[in-house]
Amino acid sequence: MGSIDLSREWLRAEFVNQEMLNRHRGIESEFGFYDAIATGDLEAVKENCRNKMFINMEGVGKLSKDPLRNMKYHFVVAAAMIVRYCVHNGMELEKAYSLSDFYILKADETKTIEKLNKLHDEMCIDICTQMRELHKQQILSKPLVLCMDYIYSHIHYRITIEELAEHLNLSTSYLSRLFKKEMGINVSQYINELKIEQAKNMLQNSDMKIIEIANYLSFSSQSHFIQVFQKITGVTPNKYRQQNFRNTMSKMPTTR
């Protein structure tokens, strides 16, 4: 009985849409925008943001009767589509999903459509900028892509070159040479840089103690973590936190 009622309700809604000439906008422009982000076309993305296409509801489906909730649902759809386009264009899978989760959680916290629109623009420009940098790198071989994806998904653990080589069924010497050739740095440098990026995010957005962050990212000690952090960023973790604590959004590029 329930399915019959839903079918009738759907037919009524479809009839109203037909009578009111409600039409969804073409998918070409939407897919073109996702593609611009995934290919690092920063100017096209900024232009879309300047035109406030996200909050332009003409031709967009109504997902909730509440205007803010409706926009949040559209934000979730956009975030999910964007990261999938980015994965298809070379972004690490785990990194893409982490970005999507991060921005969707931020969207859930917003209280106004204006702030949600600003967050949408910041998300698109941030991810597009990351894809732009990714495309500047040379095309990576399949072993390197698999290697980097493994590192990202295991970044909270202590990762060794031996472990990576075994995972990829390669010799350690060959993997070391290949990584250095394609990335320009050795494996341990790459792992440390990625760990420090994670640490910066935790210092910005959490109350975790320095020792807790060091342990979470599997550094041998707090002093080792501080040494590596300062070498890569030029400041200590404490200094970085003082400068950036919960100030991430204001430091992201905007179109205003």
C-alpha atoms as a PDB file:
ATOM      1  CA  MET A   1       0.000   0.000   0.000  1.00  0.00           C
ATOM      2  CA  GLY A   2       2.835   2.368   0.854  1.00  0.00           C
ATOM      3  CA  SER A   3       4.485   1.973  -2.565  1.00  0.00           C
ATOM      4  CA  ILE A   4       1.160   2.693  -4.298  1.00  0.00           C
ATOM      5  CA  ASP A   5       0.725   5.904  -2.263  1.00  0.00           C
ATOM      6  CA  LEU A   6       4.257   6.981  -3.128  1.00  0.00           C
ATOM      7  CA  SER A   7       3.633   6.301  -6.808  1.00  0.00           C
ATOM      8  CA  ARG A   8       0.496   8.428  -6.741  1.00  0.00           C
ATOM      9  CA  GLU A   9       2.310  11.208  -4.928  1.00  0.00           C
ATOM     10  CA  TRP A  10       5.116  11.067  -7.514  1.00  0.00           C
ATOM     11  CA  LEU A  11       2.623  11.279 -10.386  1.00  0.00           C
ATOM     12  CA  ARG A  12       0.971  14.314  -8.809  1.00  0.00           C
ATOM     13  CA  ALA A  13       4.345  16.015  -8.346  1.00  0.00           C
ATOM     14  CA  GLU A  14       5.313  15.203 -11.925  1.00  0.00           C
ATOM     15  CA  PHE A  15       2.022  16.672 -13.172  1.00  0.00           C
ATOM     16  CA  VAL A  16       2.574  19.904 -11.212  1.00  0.00           C
ATOM     17  CA  ASN A  17       6.109  20.203 -12.579  1.00  0.00           C
ATOM     18  CA  GLN A  18       4.856  19.725 -16.128  1.00  0.00           C
ATOM     19  CA  GLU A  19       2.070  22.308 -15.679  1.00  0.00           C
ATOM     20  CA  MET A  20       4.441  24.863 -14.135  1.00  0.00           C
ATOM     21  CA  LEU A  21       7.058  24.145 -16.815  1.00  0.00           C
ATOM     22  CA  ASN A  22       9.635  23.300 -14.133  1.00  0.00           C
ATOM     23  CA  ARG A  23      12.737  22.034 -15.872  1.00  0.00           C
ATOM     24  CA  HIS A  24      16.109  20.966 -14.473  1.00  0.00           C
ATOM     25  CA  ARG A  25      19.074  22.762 -15.947  1.00  0.00           C
ATOM     26  CA  GLY A  26      21.151  20.810 -18.449  1.00  0.00           C
ATOM     27  CA  ILE A  27      23.799  18.509 -17.017  1.00  0.00           C
ATOM     28  CA  GLU A  28      26.450  19.789 -19.432  1.00  0.00           C
ATOM     29  CA  SER A  29      27.187  22.942 -17.437  1.00  0.00           C
ATOM     30  CA  GLU A  30      27.253  21.025 -14.154  1.00  0.00           C
ATOM     31  CA  PHE A  31      29.587  18.347 -15.462  1.00  0.00           C
ATOM     32  CA  GLY A  32      31.685  21.025 -17.141  1.00  0.00           C
ATOM     33  CA  PHE A  33      32.177  22.712 -13.766  1.00  0.00           C
ATOM     34  CA  TYR A  34      33.241  19.456 -12.096  1.00  0.00           C
ATOM     35  CA  ASP A  35      35.630  18.827 -14.956  1.00  0.00           C
ATOM     36  CA  ALA A  36      37.111  22.339 -14.592  1.00  0.00           C
ATOM     37  CA  ILE A  37      37.882  21.605 -10.940  1.00  0.00           C
ATOM     38  CA  ALA A  38      39.367  18.182 -11.682  1.00  0.00           C
ATOM     39  CA  THR A  39      41.575  19.522 -14.469  1.00  0.00           C
ATOM     40  CA  GLY A  40      42.820  22.478 -12.422  1.00  0.00           C
ATOM     41  CA  ASP A  41      41.107  25.178 -14.523  1.00  0.00           C
ATOM     42  CA  LEU A  42      41.205  27.758 -11.731  1.00  0.00           C
ATOM     43  CA  GLU A  43      39.957  30.707 -13.799  1.00  0.00           C
ATOM     44  CA  ALA A  44      36.840  28.846 -14.920  1.00  0.00           C
ATOM     45  CA  VAL A  45      36.109  27.792 -11.345  1.00  0.00           C
ATOM     46  CA  LYS A  46      36.555  31.347 -10.018  1.00  0.00           C
ATOM     47  CA  GLU A  47      34.276  32.660 -12.747  1.00  0.00           C
ATOM     48  CA  ASN A  48      31.590  30.174 -11.748  1.00  0.00           C
ATOM     49  CA  CYS A  49      31.933  31.279  -8.132  1.00  0.00           C
ATOM     50  CA  ARG A  50      31.769  34.969  -9.052  1.00  0.00           C
ATOM     51  CA  ASN A  51      28.513  34.288 -10.877  1.00  0.00           C
ATOM     52  CA  LYS A  52      27.166  32.593  -7.715  1.00  0.00           C
ATOM     53  CA  MET A  53      26.065  29.573  -9.680  1.00  0.00           C
ATOM     54  CA  PHE A  54      25.764  27.441  -6.552  1.00  0.00           C
ATOM     55  CA  ILE A  55      22.953  29.509  -5.025  1.00  0.00           C
ATOM     56  CA  ASN A  56      21.261  30.101  -8.375  1.00  0.00           C
ATOM     57  CA  MET A  57      18.323  27.738  -7.923  1.00  0.00           C
ATOM     58  CA  GLU A  58      16.911  28.127 -11.421  1.00  0.00           C
ATOM     59  CA  GLY A  59      16.618  24.663 -12.936  1.00  0.00           C
ATOM     60  CA  VAL A  60      17.834  22.952  -9.760  1.00  0.00           C
ATOM     61  CA  GLY A  61      15.868  20.227  -8.013  1.00  0.00           C
ATOM     62  CA  LYS A  62      14.100  20.947  -4.738  1.00  0.00           C
ATOM     63  CA  LEU A  63      15.448  18.492  -2.160  1.00  0.00           C
ATOM     64  CA  SER A  64      13.909  20.037   0.971  1.00  0.00           C
ATOM     65  CA  LYS A  65      11.197  22.543   1.807  1.00  0.00           C
ATOM     66  CA  ASP A  66      13.626  24.256   4.166  1.00  0.00           C
ATOM     67  CA  PRO A  67      15.857  26.571   2.026  1.00  0.00           C
ATOM     68  CA  LEU A  68      19.052  26.071   4.053  1.00  0.00           C
ATOM     69  CA  ARG A  69      18.628  22.296   4.281  1.00  0.00           C
ATOM     70  CA  ASN A  70      17.905  22.215   0.556  1.00  0.00           C
ATOM     71  CA  MET A  71      21.215  23.970  -0.135  1.00  0.00           C
ATOM     72  CA  LYS A  72      23.068  21.639   2.228  1.00  0.00           C
ATOM     73  CA  TYR A  73      21.759  18.622   0.326  1.00  0.00           C
ATOM     74  CA  HIS A  74      22.977  20.169  -2.926  1.00  0.00           C
ATOM     75  CA  PHE A  75      26.346  20.851  -1.265  1.00  0.00           C
ATOM     76  CA  VAL A  76      26.696  17.162  -0.367  1.00  0.00           C
ATOM     77  CA  VAL A  77      25.906  16.138  -3.942  1.00  0.00           C
ATOM     78  CA  ALA A  78      28.430  18.652  -5.313  1.00  0.00           C
ATOM     79  CA  ALA A  79      31.183  17.549  -2.910  1.00  0.00           C
ATOM     80  CA  ALA A  80      30.627  13.888  -3.757  1.00  0.00           C
ATOM     81  CA  MET A  81      30.700  14.533  -7.500  1.00  0.00           C
ATOM     82  CA  ILE A  82      33.749  16.806  -7.358  1.00  0.00           C
ATOM     83  CA  VAL A  83      35.960  14.343  -5.514  1.00  0.00           C
ATOM     84  CA  ARG A  84      34.962  11.514  -7.841  1.00  0.00           C
ATOM     85  CA  TYR A  85      35.956  13.603 -10.832  1.00  0.00           C
ATOM     86  CA  CYS A  86      39.244  14.351  -9.063  1.00  0.00           C
ATOM     87  CA  VAL A  87      39.946  10.667  -8.376  1.00  0.00           C
ATOM     88  CA  HIS A  88      39.349   9.965 -12.052  1.00  0.00           C
ATOM     89  CA  ASN A  89      41.922  12.678 -12.807  1.00  0.00           C
ATOM     90  CA  GLY A  90      44.619  11.341 -10.498  1.00  0.00           C
ATOM     91  CA  MET A  91      43.897  12.391  -6.915  1.00  0.00           C
ATOM     92  CA  GLU A  92      44.603   9.749  -4.282  1.00  0.00           C
ATOM     93  CA  LEU A  93      41.389   7.977  -3.339  1.00  0.00           C
ATOM     94  CA  GLU A  94      41.713   8.323   0.441  1.00  0.00           C
ATOM     95  CA  LYS A  95      42.704  11.984   0.155  1.00  0.00           C
ATOM     96  CA  ALA A  96      39.681  12.693  -2.043  1.00  0.00           C
ATOM     97  CA  TYR A  97      37.274  11.051   0.393  1.00  0.00           C
ATOM     98  CA  SER A  98      38.886  12.878   3.319  1.00  0.00           C
ATOM     99  CA  LEU A  99      38.404  16.208   1.541  1.00  0.00           C
ATOM    100  CA  SER A 100      34.771  15.382   0.835  1.00  0.00           C
ATOM    101  CA  ASP A 101      34.138  14.398   4.460  1.00  0.00           C
ATOM    102  CA  PHE A 102      35.907  17.525   5.753  1.00  0.00           C
ATOM    103  CA  TYR A 103      33.859  19.960   3.680  1.00  0.00           C
ATOM    104  CA  ILE A 104      30.539  18.154   4.190  1.00  0.00           C
ATOM    105  CA  LEU A 105      31.052  18.312   7.959  1.00  0.00           C
ATOM    106  CA  LYS A 106      31.851  22.029   7.662  1.00  0.00           C
ATOM    107  CA  ALA A 107      28.704  22.513   5.586  1.00  0.00           C
ATOM    108  CA  ASP A 108      26.635  20.756   8.223  1.00  0.00           C
ATOM    109  CA  GLU A 109      27.777  23.380  10.755  1.00  0.00           C
ATOM    110  CA  THR A 110      26.772  26.403   8.675  1.00  0.00           C
ATOM    111  CA  LYS A 111      23.773  28.456   9.791  1.00  0.00           C
ATOM    112  CA  THR A 112      23.075  30.632   6.747  1.00  0.00           C
ATOM    113  CA  ILE A 113      22.881  30.188   2.983  1.00  0.00           C
ATOM    114  CA  GLU A 114      25.444  32.979   2.551  1.00  0.00           C
ATOM    115  CA  LYS A 115      28.020  31.136   4.658  1.00  0.00           C
ATOM    116  CA  LEU A 116      27.237  27.870   2.894  1.00  0.00           C
ATOM    117  CA  ASN A 117      27.788  29.548  -0.483  1.00  0.00           C
ATOM    118  CA  LYS A 118      31.115  30.953   0.738  1.00  0.00           C
ATOM    119  CA  LEU A 119      32.159  27.500   1.927  1.00  0.00           C
ATOM    120  CA  HIS A 120      31.176  26.003  -1.431  1.00  0.00           C
ATOM    121  CA  ASP A 121      33.366  28.517  -3.270  1.00  0.00           C
ATOM    122  CA  GLU A 122      36.271  27.902  -0.897  1.00  0.00           C
ATOM    123  CA  MET A 123      35.929  24.139  -1.330  1.00  0.00           C
ATOM    124  CA  CYS A 124      35.904  24.358  -5.121  1.00  0.00           C
ATOM    125  CA  ILE A 125      38.880  26.726  -5.296  1.00  0.00           C
ATOM    126  CA  ASP A 126      40.855  24.724  -2.732  1.00  0.00           C
ATOM    127  CA  ILE A 127      40.335  21.386  -4.502  1.00  0.00           C
ATOM    128  CA  CYS A 128      40.917  22.938  -7.936  1.00  0.00           C
ATOM    129  CA  THR A 129      44.196  24.440  -6.686  1.00  0.00           C
ATOM    130  CA  GLN A 130      45.268  21.027  -5.398  1.00  0.00           C
ATOM    131  CA  MET A 131      44.419  19.428  -8.745  1.00  0.00           C
ATOM    132  CA  ARG A 132      46.312  22.187 -10.562  1.00  0.00           C
ATOM    133  CA  GLU A 133      49.434  21.356  -8.534  1.00  0.00           C
ATOM    134  CA  LEU A 134      48.906  17.652  -9.123  1.00  0.00           C
ATOM    135  CA  HIS A 135      48.758  18.140 -12.888  1.00  0.00           C
ATOM    136  CA  LYS A 136      52.007  20.115 -12.799  1.00  0.00           C
ATOM    137  CA  GLN A 137      53.771  16.953 -11.722  1.00  0.00           C
ATOM    138  CA  GLN A 138      54.855  14.522 -14.353  1.00  0.00           C
ATOM    139  CA  ILE A 139      52.589  11.583 -15.082  1.00  0.00           C
ATOM    140  CA  LEU A 140      53.296   8.922 -12.505  1.00  0.00           C
ATOM    141  CA  SER A 141      53.718   5.229 -13.198  1.00  0.00           C
ATOM    142  CA  LYS A 142      51.179   2.772 -11.827  1.00  0.00           C
ATOM    143  CA  PRO A 143      53.524   1.493  -9.048  1.00  0.00           C
ATOM    144  CA  LEU A 144      53.997   5.082  -7.819  1.00  0.00           C
ATOM    145  CA  VAL A 145      50.265   5.790  -7.805  1.00  0.00           C
ATOM    146  CA  LEU A 146      49.652   2.602  -5.804  1.00  0.00           C
ATOM    147  CA  CYS A 147      52.554   3.433  -3.515  1.00  0.00           C
ATOM    148  CA  MET A 148      51.273   6.939  -2.771  1.00  0.00           C
ATOM    149  CA  ASP A 149      47.742   5.687  -2.210  1.00  0.00           C
ATOM    150  CA  TYR A 150      49.045   3.109   0.280  1.00  0.00           C
ATOM    151  CA  ILE A 151      51.061   5.762   2.104  1.00  0.00           C
ATOM    152  CA  TYR A 152      48.066   8.092   2.368  1.00  0.00           C
ATOM    153  CA  SER A 153      45.726   5.389   3.691  1.00  0.00           C
ATOM    154  CA  HIS A 154      48.329   4.240   6.259  1.00  0.00           C
ATOM    155  CA  ILE A 155      49.692   7.653   7.226  1.00  0.00           C
ATOM    156  CA  HIS A 156      48.815   7.131  10.911  1.00  0.00           C
ATOM    157  CA  TYR A 157      51.218   4.203  11.086  1.00  0.00           C
ATOM    158  CA  ARG A 158      54.971   3.819  10.834  1.00  0.00           C
ATOM    159  CA  ILE A 159      55.615   3.060   7.164  1.00  0.00           C
ATOM    160  CA  THR A 160      58.893   1.612   5.930  1.00  0.00           C
ATOM    161  CA  ILE A 161      60.310   1.243   2.435  1.00  0.00           C
ATOM    162  CA  GLU A 162      60.422  -2.516   3.035  1.00  0.00           C
ATOM    163  CA  GLU A 163      56.699  -2.574   3.792  1.00  0.00           C
ATOM    164  CA  LEU A 164      55.914  -0.573   0.655  1.00  0.00           C
ATOM    165  CA  ALA A 165      58.126  -2.747  -1.538  1.00  0.00           C
ATOM    166  CA  GLU A 166      56.458  -5.898  -0.225  1.00  0.00           C
ATOM    167  CA  HIS A 167      53.001  -4.408  -0.834  1.00  0.00           C
ATOM    168  CA  LEU A 168      53.932  -3.600  -4.434  1.00  0.00           C
ATOM    169  CA  ASN A 169      55.906  -6.802  -4.974  1.00  0.00           C
ATOM    170  CA  LEU A 170      59.026  -4.794  -5.882  1.00  0.00           C
ATOM    171  CA  SER A 171      62.546  -4.734  -4.519  1.00  0.00           C
ATOM    172  CA  THR A 172      63.346  -1.936  -2.077  1.00  0.00           C
ATOM    173  CA  SER A 173      66.192  -0.664  -4.244  1.00  0.00           C
ATOM    174  CA  TYR A 174      64.015  -0.481  -7.369  1.00  0.00           C
ATOM    175  CA  LEU A 175      61.171   1.255  -5.517  1.00  0.00           C
ATOM    176  CA  SER A 176      63.610   3.766  -3.994  1.00  0.00           C
ATOM    177  CA  ARG A 177      65.089   4.624  -7.397  1.00  0.00           C
ATOM    178  CA  LEU A 178      61.650   4.826  -9.043  1.00  0.00           C
ATOM    179  CA  PHE A 179      60.223   7.056  -6.313  1.00  0.00           C
ATOM    180  CA  LYS A 180      63.202   9.410  -6.408  1.00  0.00           C
ATOM    181  CA  LYS A 181      63.088   9.582 -10.209  1.00  0.00           C
ATOM    182  CA  GLU A 182      59.364  10.368 -10.460  1.00  0.00           C
ATOM    183  CA  MET A 183      58.808  12.424  -7.305  1.00  0.00           C
ATOM    184  CA  GLY A 184      62.163  14.188  -6.958  1.00  0.00           C
ATOM    185  CA  ILE A 185      62.395  13.261  -3.269  1.00  0.00           C
ATOM    186  CA  ASN A 186      62.936  10.002  -1.415  1.00  0.00           C
ATOM    187  CA  VAL A 187      60.188   7.939   0.183  1.00  0.00           C
ATOM    188  CA  SER A 188      60.910   8.987   3.777  1.00  0.00           C
ATOM    189  CA  GLN A 189      60.762  12.693   2.830  1.00  0.00           C
ATOM    190  CA  TYR A 190      57.403  12.194   1.133  1.00  0.00           C
ATOM    191  CA  ILE A 191      55.999  10.311   4.128  1.00  0.00           C
ATOM    192  CA  ASN A 192      57.216  12.989   6.547  1.00  0.00           C
ATOM    193  CA  GLU A 193      55.762  15.802   4.445  1.00  0.00           C
ATOM    194  CA  LEU A 194      52.405  14.037   4.292  1.00  0.00           C
ATOM    195  CA  LYS A 195      52.442  13.380   8.036  1.00  0.00           C
ATOM    196  CA  ILE A 196      53.185  17.046   8.703  1.00  0.00           C
ATOM    197  CA  GLU A 197      50.262  18.087   6.492  1.00  0.00           C
ATOM    198  CA  GLN A 198      48.051  15.888   8.665  1.00  0.00           C
ATOM    199  CA  ALA A 199      49.624  17.373  11.790  1.00  0.00           C
ATOM    200  CA  LYS A 200      48.955  20.925  10.579  1.00  0.00           C
ATOM    201  CA  ASN A 201      45.281  20.091  10.120  1.00  0.00           C
ATOM    202  CA  MET A 202      45.073  18.660  13.638  1.00  0.00           C
ATOM    203  CA  LEU A 203      46.873  21.650  15.124  1.00  0.00           C
ATOM    204  CA  GLN A 204      44.438  23.972  13.343  1.00  0.00           C
ATOM    205  CA  ASN A 205      41.222  22.142  14.101  1.00  0.00           C
ATOM    206  CA  SER A 206      41.622  20.131  17.306  1.00  0.00           C
ATOM    207  CA  ASP A 207      42.644  20.470  20.928  1.00  0.00           C
ATOM    208  CA  MET A 208      44.954  17.455  20.776  1.00  0.00           C
ATOM    209  CA  LYS A 209      48.206  17.825  22.668  1.00  0.00           C
ATOM    210  CA  ILE A 210      51.506  17.824  20.768  1.00  0.00           C
ATOM    211  CA  ILE A 211      52.454  14.441  22.220  1.00  0.00           C
ATOM    212  CA  GLU A 212      49.061  13.020  21.190  1.00  0.00           C
ATOM    213  CA  ILE A 213      49.532  14.200  17.607  1.00  0.00           C
ATOM    214  CA  ALA A 214      53.058  12.780  17.551  1.00  0.00           C
ATOM    215  CA  ASN A 215      51.785   9.413  18.776  1.00  0.00           C
ATOM    216  CA  TYR A 216      48.785   9.463  16.423  1.00  0.00           C
ATOM    217  CA  LEU A 217      51.097   9.907  13.440  1.00  0.00           C
ATOM    218  CA  SER A 218      53.529   7.274  14.767  1.00  0.00           C
ATOM    219  CA  PHE A 219      56.593   9.480  15.253  1.00  0.00           C
ATOM    220  CA  SER A 220      59.234   7.823  17.412  1.00  0.00           C
ATOM    221  CA  SER A 221      58.974  10.594  20.023  1.00  0.00           C
ATOM    222  CA  GLN A 222      57.556  14.063  20.627  1.00  0.00           C
ATOM    223  CA  SER A 223      60.986  15.625  20.105  1.00  0.00           C
ATOM    224  CA  HIS A 224      61.371  13.833  16.769  1.00  0.00           C
ATOM    225  CA  PHE A 225      57.957  15.118  15.680  1.00  0.00           C
ATOM    226  CA  ILE A 226      58.865  18.696  16.664  1.00  0.00           C
ATOM    227  CA  GLN A 227      62.192  18.432  14.829  1.00  0.00           C
ATOM    228  CA  VAL A 228      60.585  17.175  11.609  1.00  0.00           C
ATOM    229  CA  PHE A 229      57.711  19.682  11.845  1.00  0.00           C
ATOM    230  CA  GLN A 230      60.078  22.624  12.269  1.00  0.00           C
ATOM    231  CA  LYS A 231      62.340  21.448   9.447  1.00  0.00           C
ATOM    232  CA  ILE A 232      59.406  21.299   7.008  1.00  0.00           C
ATOM    233  CA  THR A 233      57.363  24.337   8.107  1.00  0.00           C
ATOM    234  CA  GLY A 234      60.012  26.601   9.624  1.00  0.00           C
ATOM    235  CA  VAL A 235      58.123  26.913  12.923  1.00  0.00           C
ATOM    236  CA  THR A 236      57.441  24.696  15.927  1.00  0.00           C
ATOM    237  CA  PRO A 237      54.061  22.966  16.311  1.00  0.00           C
ATOM    238  CA  ASN A 238      53.150  25.264  19.189  1.00  0.00           C
ATOM    239  CA  LYS A 239      53.963  28.360  17.151  1.00  0.00           C
ATOM    240  CA  TYR A 240      51.989  27.018  14.201  1.00  0.00           C
ATOM    241  CA  ARG A 241      48.969  26.400  16.425  1.00  0.00           C
ATOM    242  CA  GLN A 242      49.155  29.915  17.872  1.00  0.00           C
ATOM    243  CA  GLN A 243      49.112  31.358  14.350  1.00  0.00           C
ATOM    244  CA  ASN A 244      46.471  29.092  12.813  1.00  0.00           C
ATOM    245  CA  PHE A 245      44.212  27.545  15.470  1.00  0.00           C
ATOM    246  CA  ARG A 246      40.706  27.187  14.034  1.00  0.00           C
ATOM    247  CA  ASN A 247      41.450  29.857  11.467  1.00  0.00           C
ATOM    248  CA  THR A 248      41.558  27.580   8.430  1.00  0.00           C
ATOM    249  CA  MET A 249      38.573  28.991   6.595  1.00  0.00           C
ATOM    250  CA  SER A 250      39.733  32.610   6.763  1.00  0.00           C
ATOM    251  CA  LYS A 251      43.059  31.667   5.213  1.00  0.00           C
ATOM    252  CA  MET A 252      41.607  29.845   2.241  1.00  0.00           C
ATOM    253  CA  PRO A 253      41.525  31.673  -1.103  1.00  0.00           C
ATOM    254  CA  THR A 254      38.337  33.558  -1.913  1.00  0.00           C
ATOM    255  CA  THR A 255      36.871  35.191  -4.980  1.00  0.00           C
ATOM    256  CA  ARG A 256      35.812  38.361  -3.184  1.00  0.00           C
END
